[in-house]
Amino acid sequence: MRDDGKLDYLEMPGGELPATKRFYGDAFGWTFTDYGPAYAAFEQGLDGGFDAGAPSGQAPLPVLYASDLEVMAAKVVAAGGKILRPIFAFPGGRRFHFRDPAGNELAVWSEG
């Protein structure tokens, strides 16, 4: 069961995706589900994925869950966060990105 406001996913830059997948598979035994040629998801305690389209060296993106994105976006703004990417659709659901007062970028997603 997913809970509002809990860390739910970690997205990281994938670089040369086949090499990244090979490294994590060889070093740690990870397996992947491919979502097109530029994205591979993993389930290794905390679900996550490697995005080959992300710039190399970009910070990992912690992703929180919310059952109602609109309500959660309003809470983020009211608490002092800044919306960086308004709600948008992606394969598997919808999400938005925000910056917290410390300057960290995070995202919040929902299935619907």
PDB file of N, CA and C in Angstrom:
ATOM      1  N   MET A   1       0.846  -1.173   0.000  1.00  0.00           N
ATOM      2  CA  MET A   1       0.000   0.000   0.000  1.00  0.00           C
ATOM      3  C   MET A   1       0.892   1.236   0.000  1.00  0.00           C
ATOM      4  N   ARG A   2       0.600   2.156  -0.862  1.00  0.00           N
ATOM      5  CA  ARG A   2       1.342   3.408  -0.937  1.00  0.00           C
ATOM      6  C   ARG A   2       0.697   4.440  -0.030  1.00  0.00           C
ATOM      7  N   ASP A   3       1.531   5.253   0.622  1.00  0.00           N
ATOM      8  CA  ASP A   3       1.047   6.260   1.553  1.00  0.00           C
ATOM      9  C   ASP A   3       1.425   7.651   1.085  1.00  0.00           C
ATOM     10  N   ASP A   4       0.505   8.599   1.255  1.00  0.00           N
ATOM     11  CA  ASP A   4       0.776   9.991   0.903  1.00  0.00           C
ATOM     12  C   ASP A   4       2.022  10.501   1.605  1.00  0.00           C
ATOM     13  N   GLY A   5       2.864  11.196   0.859  1.00  0.00           N
ATOM     14  CA  GLY A   5       4.021  11.861   1.422  1.00  0.00           C
ATOM     15  C   GLY A   5       5.207  10.980   1.740  1.00  0.00           C
ATOM     16  N   LYS A   6       5.151   9.686   1.442  1.00  0.00           N
ATOM     17  CA  LYS A   6       6.259   8.778   1.730  1.00  0.00           C
ATOM     18  C   LYS A   6       7.133   8.623   0.488  1.00  0.00           C
ATOM     19  N   LEU A   7       8.448   8.468   0.719  1.00  0.00           N
ATOM     20  CA  LEU A   7       9.340   8.173  -0.407  1.00  0.00           C
ATOM     21  C   LEU A   7       8.876   6.888  -1.060  1.00  0.00           C
ATOM     22  N   ASP A   8       8.744   6.918  -2.376  1.00  0.00           N
ATOM     23  CA  ASP A   8       8.171   5.789  -3.089  1.00  0.00           C
ATOM     24  C   ASP A   8       9.044   5.328  -4.245  1.00  0.00           C
ATOM     25  N   TYR A   9       9.971   6.172  -4.719  1.00  0.00           N
ATOM     26  CA  TYR A   9      10.699   5.859  -5.946  1.00  0.00           C
ATOM     27  C   TYR A   9      11.946   6.724  -5.985  1.00  0.00           C
ATOM     28  N   LEU A  10      13.001   6.253  -6.605  1.00  0.00           N
ATOM     29  CA  LEU A  10      14.222   7.022  -6.782  1.00  0.00           C
ATOM     30  C   LEU A  10      14.637   6.935  -8.235  1.00  0.00           C
ATOM     31  N   GLU A  11      14.676   8.082  -8.900  1.00  0.00           N
ATOM     32  CA  GLU A  11      15.047   8.122 -10.316  1.00  0.00           C
ATOM     33  C   GLU A  11      16.455   8.703 -10.432  1.00  0.00           C
ATOM     34  N   MET A  12      17.313   8.017 -11.190  1.00  0.00           N
ATOM     35  CA  MET A  12      18.701   8.447 -11.336  1.00  0.00           C
ATOM     36  C   MET A  12      19.080   8.532 -12.806  1.00  0.00           C
ATOM     37  N   PRO A  13      20.051   9.383 -13.129  1.00  0.00           N
ATOM     38  CA  PRO A  13      20.536   9.422 -14.506  1.00  0.00           C
ATOM     39  C   PRO A  13      21.070   8.049 -14.907  1.00  0.00           C
ATOM     40  N   GLY A  14      20.792   7.648 -16.153  1.00  0.00           N
ATOM     41  CA  GLY A  14      21.178   6.314 -16.609  1.00  0.00           C
ATOM     42  C   GLY A  14      22.419   6.263 -17.467  1.00  0.00           C
ATOM     43  N   GLY A  15      22.853   7.426 -17.989  1.00  0.00           N
ATOM     44  CA  GLY A  15      24.040   7.436 -18.840  1.00  0.00           C
ATOM     45  C   GLY A  15      23.893   6.472 -20.010  1.00  0.00           C
ATOM     46  N   GLU A  16      24.922   5.705 -20.290  1.00  0.00           N
ATOM     47  CA  GLU A  16      24.887   4.644 -21.309  1.00  0.00           C
ATOM     48  C   GLU A  16      24.137   3.489 -20.657  1.00  0.00           C
ATOM     49  N   LEU A  17      22.843   3.421 -20.932  1.00  0.00           N
ATOM     50  CA  LEU A  17      21.943   2.543 -20.182  1.00  0.00           C
ATOM     51  C   LEU A  17      22.366   1.070 -20.175  1.00  0.00           C
ATOM     52  N   PRO A  18      22.738   0.479 -21.304  1.00  0.00           N
ATOM     53  CA  PRO A  18      23.152  -0.932 -21.234  1.00  0.00           C
ATOM     54  C   PRO A  18      24.341  -1.153 -20.280  1.00  0.00           C
ATOM     55  N   ALA A  19      25.299  -0.233 -20.275  1.00  0.00           N
ATOM     56  CA  ALA A  19      26.454  -0.371 -19.380  1.00  0.00           C
ATOM     57  C   ALA A  19      26.033  -0.186 -17.918  1.00  0.00           C
ATOM     58  N   THR A  20      25.116   0.752 -17.663  1.00  0.00           N
ATOM     59  CA  THR A  20      24.636   0.979 -16.306  1.00  0.00           C
ATOM     60  C   THR A  20      23.900  -0.257 -15.796  1.00  0.00           C
ATOM     61  N   LYS A  21      23.026  -0.811 -16.625  1.00  0.00           N
ATOM     62  CA  LYS A  21      22.299  -2.017 -16.239  1.00  0.00           C
ATOM     63  C   LYS A  21      23.261  -3.180 -16.003  1.00  0.00           C
ATOM     64  N   ARG A  22      24.240  -3.318 -16.862  1.00  0.00           N
ATOM     65  CA  ARG A  22      25.225  -4.394 -16.721  1.00  0.00           C
ATOM     66  C   ARG A  22      25.986  -4.242 -15.393  1.00  0.00           C
ATOM     67  N   PHE A  23      26.413  -3.006 -15.080  1.00  0.00           N
ATOM     68  CA  PHE A  23      27.131  -2.765 -13.831  1.00  0.00           C
ATOM     69  C   PHE A  23      26.305  -3.183 -12.622  1.00  0.00           C
ATOM     70  N   TYR A  24      25.074  -2.674 -12.505  1.00  0.00           N
ATOM     71  CA  TYR A  24      24.254  -2.983 -11.341  1.00  0.00           C
ATOM     72  C   TYR A  24      23.839  -4.453 -11.302  1.00  0.00           C
ATOM     73  N   GLY A  25      23.653  -5.048 -12.469  1.00  0.00           N
ATOM     74  CA  GLY A  25      23.350  -6.472 -12.513  1.00  0.00           C
ATOM     75  C   GLY A  25      24.523  -7.314 -12.053  1.00  0.00           C
ATOM     76  N   ASP A  26      25.724  -6.993 -12.567  1.00  0.00           N
ATOM     77  CA  ASP A  26      26.923  -7.756 -12.207  1.00  0.00           C
ATOM     78  C   ASP A  26      27.337  -7.527 -10.756  1.00  0.00           C
ATOM     79  N   ALA A  27      27.307  -6.267 -10.319  1.00  0.00           N
ATOM     80  CA  ALA A  27      27.794  -5.945  -8.978  1.00  0.00           C
ATOM     81  C   ALA A  27      26.819  -6.352  -7.883  1.00  0.00           C
ATOM     82  N   PHE A  28      25.522  -6.173  -8.128  1.00  0.00           N
ATOM     83  CA  PHE A  28      24.547  -6.345  -7.056  1.00  0.00           C
ATOM     84  C   PHE A  28      23.419  -7.329  -7.364  1.00  0.00           C
ATOM     85  N   GLY A  29      23.400  -7.873  -8.578  1.00  0.00           N
ATOM     86  CA  GLY A  29      22.365  -8.836  -8.938  1.00  0.00           C
ATOM     87  C   GLY A  29      21.027  -8.225  -9.282  1.00  0.00           C
ATOM     88  N   TRP A  30      20.998  -6.909  -9.590  1.00  0.00           N
ATOM     89  CA  TRP A  30      19.746  -6.238  -9.912  1.00  0.00           C
ATOM     90  C   TRP A  30      19.196  -6.731 -11.243  1.00  0.00           C
ATOM     91  N   THR A  31      17.881  -6.742 -11.355  1.00  0.00           N
ATOM     92  CA  THR A  31      17.182  -7.001 -12.614  1.00  0.00           C
ATOM     93  C   THR A  31      16.368  -5.766 -12.958  1.00  0.00           C
ATOM     94  N   PHE A  32      15.964  -5.660 -14.229  1.00  0.00           N
ATOM     95  CA  PHE A  32      15.338  -4.441 -14.713  1.00  0.00           C
ATOM     96  C   PHE A  32      14.106  -4.737 -15.554  1.00  0.00           C
ATOM     97  N   THR A  33      13.200  -3.771 -15.585  1.00  0.00           N
ATOM     98  CA  THR A  33      12.080  -3.760 -16.517  1.00  0.00           C
ATOM     99  C   THR A  33      12.296  -2.560 -17.424  1.00  0.00           C
ATOM    100  N   ASP A  34      12.429  -2.814 -18.717  1.00  0.00           N
ATOM    101  CA  ASP A  34      12.676  -1.733 -19.672  1.00  0.00           C
ATOM    102  C   ASP A  34      11.371  -1.073 -20.100  1.00  0.00           C
ATOM    103  N   TYR A  35      11.403   0.259 -20.131  1.00  0.00           N
ATOM    104  CA  TYR A  35      10.287   1.066 -20.626  1.00  0.00           C
ATOM    105  C   TYR A  35      10.830   1.897 -21.776  1.00  0.00           C
ATOM    106  N   GLY A  36      11.007   1.263 -22.912  1.00  0.00           N
ATOM    107  CA  GLY A  36      11.608   1.921 -24.059  1.00  0.00           C
ATOM    108  C   GLY A  36      13.122   1.857 -23.976  1.00  0.00           C
ATOM    109  N   PRO A  37      13.798   2.438 -24.965  1.00  0.00           N
ATOM    110  CA  PRO A  37      15.254   2.334 -25.031  1.00  0.00           C
ATOM    111  C   PRO A  37      15.995   3.233 -24.039  1.00  0.00           C
ATOM    112  N   ALA A  38      15.300   4.173 -23.404  1.00  0.00           N
ATOM    113  CA  ALA A  38      15.998   5.146 -22.565  1.00  0.00           C
ATOM    114  C   ALA A  38      15.616   5.083 -21.092  1.00  0.00           C
ATOM    115  N   TYR A  39      14.862   4.047 -20.675  1.00  0.00           N
ATOM    116  CA  TYR A  39      14.462   3.987 -19.274  1.00  0.00           C
ATOM    117  C   TYR A  39      14.386   2.539 -18.811  1.00  0.00           C
ATOM    118  N   ALA A  40      14.984   2.265 -17.658  1.00  0.00           N
ATOM    119  CA  ALA A  40      14.938   0.930 -17.068  1.00  0.00           C
ATOM    120  C   ALA A  40      14.607   1.070 -15.587  1.00  0.00           C
ATOM    121  N   ALA A  41      13.557   0.394 -15.150  1.00  0.00           N
ATOM    122  CA  ALA A  41      13.131   0.449 -13.751  1.00  0.00           C
ATOM    123  C   ALA A  41      13.726  -0.723 -12.980  1.00  0.00           C
ATOM    124  N   PHE A  42      13.871  -0.527 -11.674  1.00  0.00           N
ATOM    125  CA  PHE A  42      14.361  -1.596 -10.802  1.00  0.00           C
ATOM    126  C   PHE A  42      13.510  -1.664  -9.548  1.00  0.00           C
ATOM    127  N   GLU A  43      13.518  -2.817  -8.905  1.00  0.00           N
ATOM    128  CA  GLU A  43      12.830  -3.031  -7.630  1.00  0.00           C
ATOM    129  C   GLU A  43      13.838  -3.686  -6.700  1.00  0.00           C
ATOM    130  N   GLN A  44      14.493  -2.880  -5.891  1.00  0.00           N
ATOM    131  CA  GLN A  44      15.570  -3.389  -5.046  1.00  0.00           C
ATOM    132  C   GLN A  44      15.432  -2.848  -3.631  1.00  0.00           C
ATOM    133  N   GLY A  45      14.318  -3.051  -2.996  1.00  0.00           N
ATOM    134  CA  GLY A  45      14.067  -2.496  -1.669  1.00  0.00           C
ATOM    135  C   GLY A  45      13.266  -1.219  -1.800  1.00  0.00           C
ATOM    136  N   LEU A  46      13.815  -0.251  -2.502  1.00  0.00           N
ATOM    137  CA  LEU A  46      13.104   0.966  -2.888  1.00  0.00           C
ATOM    138  C   LEU A  46      13.038   0.927  -4.400  1.00  0.00           C
ATOM    139  N   ASP A  47      11.843   1.008  -4.966  1.00  0.00           N
ATOM    140  CA  ASP A  47      11.720   1.007  -6.421  1.00  0.00           C
ATOM    141  C   ASP A  47      12.406   2.233  -6.987  1.00  0.00           C
ATOM    142  N   GLY A  48      12.846   2.132  -8.227  1.00  0.00           N
ATOM    143  CA  GLY A  48      13.487   3.258  -8.886  1.00  0.00           C
ATOM    144  C   GLY A  48      13.721   2.982 -10.334  1.00  0.00           C
ATOM    145  N   GLY A  49      14.431   3.877 -10.982  1.00  0.00           N
ATOM    146  CA  GLY A  49      14.716   3.706 -12.396  1.00  0.00           C
ATOM    147  C   GLY A  49      15.890   4.554 -12.832  1.00  0.00           C
ATOM    148  N   PHE A  50      16.505   4.141 -13.942  1.00  0.00           N
ATOM    149  CA  PHE A  50      17.577   4.891 -14.568  1.00  0.00           C
ATOM    150  C   PHE A  50      17.038   5.538 -15.829  1.00  0.00           C
ATOM    151  N   ASP A  51      17.249   6.846 -15.965  1.00  0.00           N
ATOM    152  CA  ASP A  51      16.781   7.619 -17.112  1.00  0.00           C
ATOM    153  C   ASP A  51      17.984   8.000 -17.971  1.00  0.00           C
ATOM    154  N   ALA A  52      18.132   7.351 -19.130  1.00  0.00           N
ATOM    155  CA  ALA A  52      19.264   7.625 -20.014  1.00  0.00           C
ATOM    156  C   ALA A  52      19.184   9.016 -20.611  1.00  0.00           C
ATOM    157  N   GLY A  53      18.025   9.669 -20.569  1.00  0.00           N
ATOM    158  CA  GLY A  53      17.876  11.013 -21.107  1.00  0.00           C
ATOM    159  C   GLY A  53      18.281  12.108 -20.128  1.00  0.00           C
ATOM    160  N   ALA A  54      18.536  11.750 -18.880  1.00  0.00           N
ATOM    161  CA  ALA A  54      18.930  12.751 -17.877  1.00  0.00           C
ATOM    162  C   ALA A  54      20.404  13.095 -18.051  1.00  0.00           C
ATOM    163  N   PRO A  55      20.761  14.350 -17.835  1.00  0.00           N
ATOM    164  CA  PRO A  55      22.167  14.746 -17.961  1.00  0.00           C
ATOM    165  C   PRO A  55      23.051  13.991 -16.977  1.00  0.00           C
ATOM    166  N   SER A  56      24.232  13.614 -17.410  1.00  0.00           N
ATOM    167  CA  SER A  56      25.199  12.949 -16.549  1.00  0.00           C
ATOM    168  C   SER A  56      25.543  13.872 -15.387  1.00  0.00           C
ATOM    169  N   GLY A  57      25.625  13.324 -14.198  1.00  0.00           N
ATOM    170  CA  GLY A  57      25.957  14.112 -13.025  1.00  0.00           C
ATOM    171  C   GLY A  57      24.769  14.779 -12.365  1.00  0.00           C
ATOM    172  N   GLN A  58      23.593  14.666 -12.956  1.00  0.00           N
ATOM    173  CA  GLN A  58      22.390  15.239 -12.341  1.00  0.00           C
ATOM    174  C   GLN A  58      22.104  14.496 -11.042  1.00  0.00           C
ATOM    175  N   ALA A  59      21.651  15.218 -10.048  1.00  0.00           N
ATOM    176  CA  ALA A  59      21.337  14.601  -8.762  1.00  0.00           C
ATOM    177  C   ALA A  59      20.186  13.605  -8.909  1.00  0.00           C
ATOM    178  N   PRO A  60      20.188  12.536  -8.105  1.00  0.00           N
ATOM    179  CA  PRO A  60      19.040  11.632  -8.092  1.00  0.00           C
ATOM    180  C   PRO A  60      17.768  12.396  -7.741  1.00  0.00           C
ATOM    181  N   LEU A  61      16.638  11.894  -8.215  1.00  0.00           N
ATOM    182  CA  LEU A  61      15.345  12.536  -7.987  1.00  0.00           C
ATOM    183  C   LEU A  61      14.503  11.683  -7.043  1.00  0.00           C
ATOM    184  N   PRO A  62      14.379  12.069  -5.764  1.00  0.00           N
ATOM    185  CA  PRO A  62      13.467  11.359  -4.877  1.00  0.00           C
ATOM    186  C   PRO A  62      12.026  11.646  -5.305  1.00  0.00           C
ATOM    187  N   VAL A  63      11.206  10.606  -5.315  1.00  0.00           N
ATOM    188  CA  VAL A  63       9.816  10.745  -5.747  1.00  0.00           C
ATOM    189  C   VAL A  63       8.909  10.277  -4.612  1.00  0.00           C
ATOM    190  N   LEU A  64       8.020  11.174  -4.193  1.00  0.00           N
ATOM    191  CA  LEU A  64       7.039  10.883  -3.154  1.00  0.00           C
ATOM    192  C   LEU A  64       5.731  10.454  -3.816  1.00  0.00           C
ATOM    193  N   TYR A  65       4.844   9.868  -3.042  1.00  0.00           N
ATOM    194  CA  TYR A  65       3.541   9.450  -3.558  1.00  0.00           C
ATOM    195  C   TYR A  65       2.446  10.349  -3.016  1.00  0.00           C
ATOM    196  N   ALA A  66       1.387  10.544  -3.792  1.00  0.00           N
ATOM    197  CA  ALA A  66       0.174  11.237  -3.322  1.00  0.00           C
ATOM    198  C   ALA A  66      -1.032  10.638  -4.018  1.00  0.00           C
ATOM    199  N   SER A  67      -2.088  10.392  -3.276  1.00  0.00           N
ATOM    200  CA  SER A  67      -3.318   9.886  -3.891  1.00  0.00           C
ATOM    201  C   SER A  67      -4.027  10.988  -4.677  1.00  0.00           C
ATOM    202  N   ASP A  68      -3.810  12.256  -4.310  1.00  0.00           N
ATOM    203  CA  ASP A  68      -4.427  13.392  -5.000  1.00  0.00           C
ATOM    204  C   ASP A  68      -3.345  14.426  -5.298  1.00  0.00           C
ATOM    205  N   LEU A  69      -2.879  14.462  -6.533  1.00  0.00           N
ATOM    206  CA  LEU A  69      -1.776  15.355  -6.905  1.00  0.00           C
ATOM    207  C   LEU A  69      -2.116  16.819  -6.733  1.00  0.00           C
ATOM    208  N   GLU A  70      -3.310  17.210  -7.095  1.00  0.00           N
ATOM    209  CA  GLU A  70      -3.687  18.611  -6.994  1.00  0.00           C
ATOM    210  C   GLU A  70      -3.647  19.096  -5.538  1.00  0.00           C
ATOM    211  N   VAL A  71      -4.166  18.283  -4.634  1.00  0.00           N
ATOM    212  CA  VAL A  71      -4.154  18.632  -3.221  1.00  0.00           C
ATOM    213  C   VAL A  71      -2.712  18.700  -2.713  1.00  0.00           C
ATOM    214  N   MET A  72      -1.890  17.728  -3.104  1.00  0.00           N
ATOM    215  CA  MET A  72      -0.510  17.709  -2.631  1.00  0.00           C
ATOM    216  C   MET A  72       0.286  18.882  -3.200  1.00  0.00           C
ATOM    217  N   ALA A  73       0.048  19.250  -4.458  1.00  0.00           N
ATOM    218  CA  ALA A  73       0.738  20.408  -5.044  1.00  0.00           C
ATOM    219  C   ALA A  73       0.387  21.674  -4.273  1.00  0.00           C
ATOM    220  N   ALA A  74      -0.864  21.824  -3.898  1.00  0.00           N
ATOM    221  CA  ALA A  74      -1.280  22.991  -3.117  1.00  0.00           C
ATOM    222  C   ALA A  74      -0.598  22.998  -1.745  1.00  0.00           C
ATOM    223  N   LYS A  75      -0.453  21.836  -1.117  1.00  0.00           N
ATOM    224  CA  LYS A  75       0.223  21.740   0.176  1.00  0.00           C
ATOM    225  C   LYS A  75       1.701  22.112   0.043  1.00  0.00           C
ATOM    226  N   VAL A  76       2.337  21.655  -1.043  1.00  0.00           N
ATOM    227  CA  VAL A  76       3.752  21.967  -1.270  1.00  0.00           C
ATOM    228  C   VAL A  76       3.950  23.477  -1.369  1.00  0.00           C
ATOM    229  N   VAL A  77       3.102  24.130  -2.154  1.00  0.00           N
ATOM    230  CA  VAL A  77       3.204  25.584  -2.328  1.00  0.00           C
ATOM    231  C   VAL A  77       2.922  26.304  -1.004  1.00  0.00           C
ATOM    232  N   ALA A  78       1.879  25.889  -0.301  1.00  0.00           N
ATOM    233  CA  ALA A  78       1.524  26.521   0.969  1.00  0.00           C
ATOM    234  C   ALA A  78       2.631  26.384   2.009  1.00  0.00           C
ATOM    235  N   ALA A  79       3.407  25.294   1.915  1.00  0.00           N
ATOM    236  CA  ALA A  79       4.490  25.056   2.874  1.00  0.00           C
ATOM    237  C   ALA A  79       5.784  25.771   2.490  1.00  0.00           C
ATOM    238  N   GLY A  80       5.796  26.440   1.323  1.00  0.00           N
ATOM    239  CA  GLY A  80       6.979  27.185   0.913  1.00  0.00           C
ATOM    240  C   GLY A  80       7.774  26.570  -0.210  1.00  0.00           C
ATOM    241  N   GLY A  81       7.266  25.489  -0.804  1.00  0.00           N
ATOM    242  CA  GLY A  81       7.941  24.881  -1.951  1.00  0.00           C
ATOM    243  C   GLY A  81       7.619  25.628  -3.234  1.00  0.00           C
ATOM    244  N   LYS A  82       8.431  25.415  -4.259  1.00  0.00           N
ATOM    245  CA  LYS A  82       8.220  26.062  -5.561  1.00  0.00           C
ATOM    246  C   LYS A  82       8.024  24.977  -6.624  1.00  0.00           C
ATOM    247  N   ILE A  83       6.915  25.047  -7.333  1.00  0.00           N
ATOM    248  CA  ILE A  83       6.651  24.088  -8.402  1.00  0.00           C
ATOM    249  C   ILE A  83       7.600  24.378  -9.563  1.00  0.00           C
ATOM    250  N   LEU A  84       8.364  23.358  -9.975  1.00  0.00           N
ATOM    251  CA  LEU A  84       9.292  23.482 -11.100  1.00  0.00           C
ATOM    252  C   LEU A  84       8.680  22.971 -12.398  1.00  0.00           C
ATOM    253  N   ARG A  85       7.923  21.882 -12.310  1.00  0.00           N
ATOM    254  CA  ARG A  85       7.216  21.316 -13.457  1.00  0.00           C
ATOM    255  C   ARG A  85       5.796  21.009 -13.006  1.00  0.00           C
ATOM    256  N   PRO A  86       4.815  21.734 -13.548  1.00  0.00           N
ATOM    257  CA  PRO A  86       3.426  21.460 -13.161  1.00  0.00           C
ATOM    258  C   PRO A  86       3.040  20.015 -13.500  1.00  0.00           C
ATOM    259  N   ILE A  87       1.923  19.577 -12.983  1.00  0.00           N
ATOM    260  CA  ILE A  87       1.454  18.201 -13.183  1.00  0.00           C
ATOM    261  C   ILE A  87       1.465  17.833 -14.664  1.00  0.00           C
ATOM    262  N   PHE A  88       2.071  16.666 -14.947  1.00  0.00           N
ATOM    263  CA  PHE A  88       2.141  16.158 -16.325  1.00  0.00           C
ATOM    264  C   PHE A  88       1.982  14.642 -16.294  1.00  0.00           C
ATOM    265  N   ALA A  89       1.577  14.086 -17.426  1.00  0.00           N
ATOM    266  CA  ALA A  89       1.402  12.640 -17.549  1.00  0.00           C
ATOM    267  C   ALA A  89       2.717  11.994 -17.972  1.00  0.00           C
ATOM    268  N   PHE A  90       2.912  10.763 -17.528  1.00  0.00           N
ATOM    269  CA  PHE A  90       4.044   9.935 -17.955  1.00  0.00           C
ATOM    270  C   PHE A  90       3.542   8.492 -17.953  1.00  0.00           C
ATOM    271  N   PRO A  91       4.267   7.563 -18.598  1.00  0.00           N
ATOM    272  CA  PRO A  91       3.805   6.175 -18.595  1.00  0.00           C
ATOM    273  C   PRO A  91       3.701   5.660 -17.159  1.00  0.00           C
ATOM    274  N   GLY A  92       2.502   5.356 -16.726  1.00  0.00           N
ATOM    275  CA  GLY A  92       2.282   4.850 -15.383  1.00  0.00           C
ATOM    276  C   GLY A  92       1.539   5.798 -14.470  1.00  0.00           C
ATOM    277  N   GLY A  93       1.350   7.050 -14.882  1.00  0.00           N
ATOM    278  CA  GLY A  93       0.618   7.973 -14.018  1.00  0.00           C
ATOM    279  C   GLY A  93       0.848   9.425 -14.355  1.00  0.00           C
ATOM    280  N   ARG A  94       0.826  10.259 -13.326  1.00  0.00           N
ATOM    281  CA  ARG A  94       1.064  11.701 -13.465  1.00  0.00           C
ATOM    282  C   ARG A  94       1.977  12.131 -12.326  1.00  0.00           C
ATOM    283  N   ARG A  95       2.670  13.255 -12.524  1.00  0.00           N
ATOM    284  CA  ARG A  95       3.518  13.762 -11.460  1.00  0.00           C
ATOM    285  C   ARG A  95       3.811  15.240 -11.641  1.00  0.00           C
ATOM    286  N   PHE A  96       4.386  15.855 -10.584  1.00  0.00           N
ATOM    287  CA  PHE A  96       4.909  17.211 -10.675  1.00  0.00           C
ATOM    288  C   PHE A  96       6.247  17.245  -9.947  1.00  0.00           C
ATOM    289  N   HIS A  97       7.074  18.237 -10.302  1.00  0.00           N
ATOM    290  CA  HIS A  97       8.370  18.416  -9.650  1.00  0.00           C
ATOM    291  C   HIS A  97       8.336  19.716  -8.864  1.00  0.00           C
ATOM    292  N   PHE A  98       9.061  19.749  -7.746  1.00  0.00           N
ATOM    293  CA  PHE A  98       9.130  20.959  -6.938  1.00  0.00           C
ATOM    294  C   PHE A  98      10.514  21.099  -6.318  1.00  0.00           C
ATOM    295  N   ARG A  99      10.812  22.307  -5.850  1.00  0.00           N
ATOM    296  CA  ARG A  99      12.044  22.574  -5.122  1.00  0.00           C
ATOM    297  C   ARG A  99      11.661  22.906  -3.687  1.00  0.00           C
ATOM    298  N   ASP A 100      12.348  22.261  -2.737  1.00  0.00           N
ATOM    299  CA  ASP A 100      12.081  22.551  -1.328  1.00  0.00           C
ATOM    300  C   ASP A 100      12.878  23.783  -0.900  1.00  0.00           C
ATOM    301  N   PRO A 101      12.646  24.323   0.297  1.00  0.00           N
ATOM    302  CA  PRO A 101      13.355  25.529   0.723  1.00  0.00           C
ATOM    303  C   PRO A 101      14.877  25.377   0.788  1.00  0.00           C
ATOM    304  N   ALA A 102      15.383  24.143   0.887  1.00  0.00           N
ATOM    305  CA  ALA A 102      16.832  23.913   0.912  1.00  0.00           C
ATOM    306  C   ALA A 102      17.430  23.835  -0.492  1.00  0.00           C
ATOM    307  N   GLY A 103      16.578  23.881  -1.532  1.00  0.00           N
ATOM    308  CA  GLY A 103      17.061  23.837  -2.900  1.00  0.00           C
ATOM    309  C   GLY A 103      17.045  22.467  -3.543  1.00  0.00           C
ATOM    310  N   ASN A 104      16.545  21.449  -2.851  1.00  0.00           N
ATOM    311  CA  ASN A 104      16.475  20.098  -3.407  1.00  0.00           C
ATOM    312  C   ASN A 104      15.290  19.969  -4.352  1.00  0.00           C
ATOM    313  N   GLU A 105      15.498  19.279  -5.472  1.00  0.00           N
ATOM    314  CA  GLU A 105      14.385  18.967  -6.376  1.00  0.00           C
ATOM    315  C   GLU A 105      13.842  17.593  -6.024  1.00  0.00           C
ATOM    316  N   LEU A 106      12.521  17.521  -5.892  1.00  0.00           N
ATOM    317  CA  LEU A 106      11.810  16.278  -5.655  1.00  0.00           C
ATOM    318  C   LEU A 106      10.622  16.226  -6.594  1.00  0.00           C
ATOM    319  N   ALA A 107       9.976  15.071  -6.657  1.00  0.00           N
ATOM    320  CA  ALA A 107       8.760  14.930  -7.454  1.00  0.00           C
ATOM    321  C   ALA A 107       7.709  14.229  -6.605  1.00  0.00           C
ATOM    322  N   VAL A 108       6.459  14.388  -7.006  1.00  0.00           N
ATOM    323  CA  VAL A 108       5.338  13.682  -6.383  1.00  0.00           C
ATOM    324  C   VAL A 108       4.544  13.039  -7.513  1.00  0.00           C
ATOM    325  N   TRP A 109       4.178  11.763  -7.352  1.00  0.00           N
ATOM    326  CA  TRP A 109       3.457  11.071  -8.409  1.00  0.00           C
ATOM    327  C   TRP A 109       2.172  10.436  -7.876  1.00  0.00           C
ATOM    328  N   SER A 110       1.303  10.099  -8.819  1.00  0.00           N
ATOM    329  CA  SER A 110       0.067   9.385  -8.534  1.00  0.00           C
ATOM    330  C   SER A 110      -0.274   8.495  -9.724  1.00  0.00           C
ATOM    331  N   GLU A 111      -0.991   7.424  -9.461  1.00  0.00           N
ATOM    332  CA  GLU A 111      -1.375   6.518 -10.550  1.00  0.00           C
ATOM    333  C   GLU A 111      -2.356   7.165 -11.520  1.00  0.00           C
ATOM    334  N   GLY A 112      -3.203   8.046 -11.057  1.00  0.00           N
ATOM    335  CA  GLY A 112      -4.256   8.546 -11.938  1.00  0.00           C
ATOM    336  C   GLY A 112      -4.324  10.009 -12.121  1.00  0.00           C
TER     337      GLY A 112
END
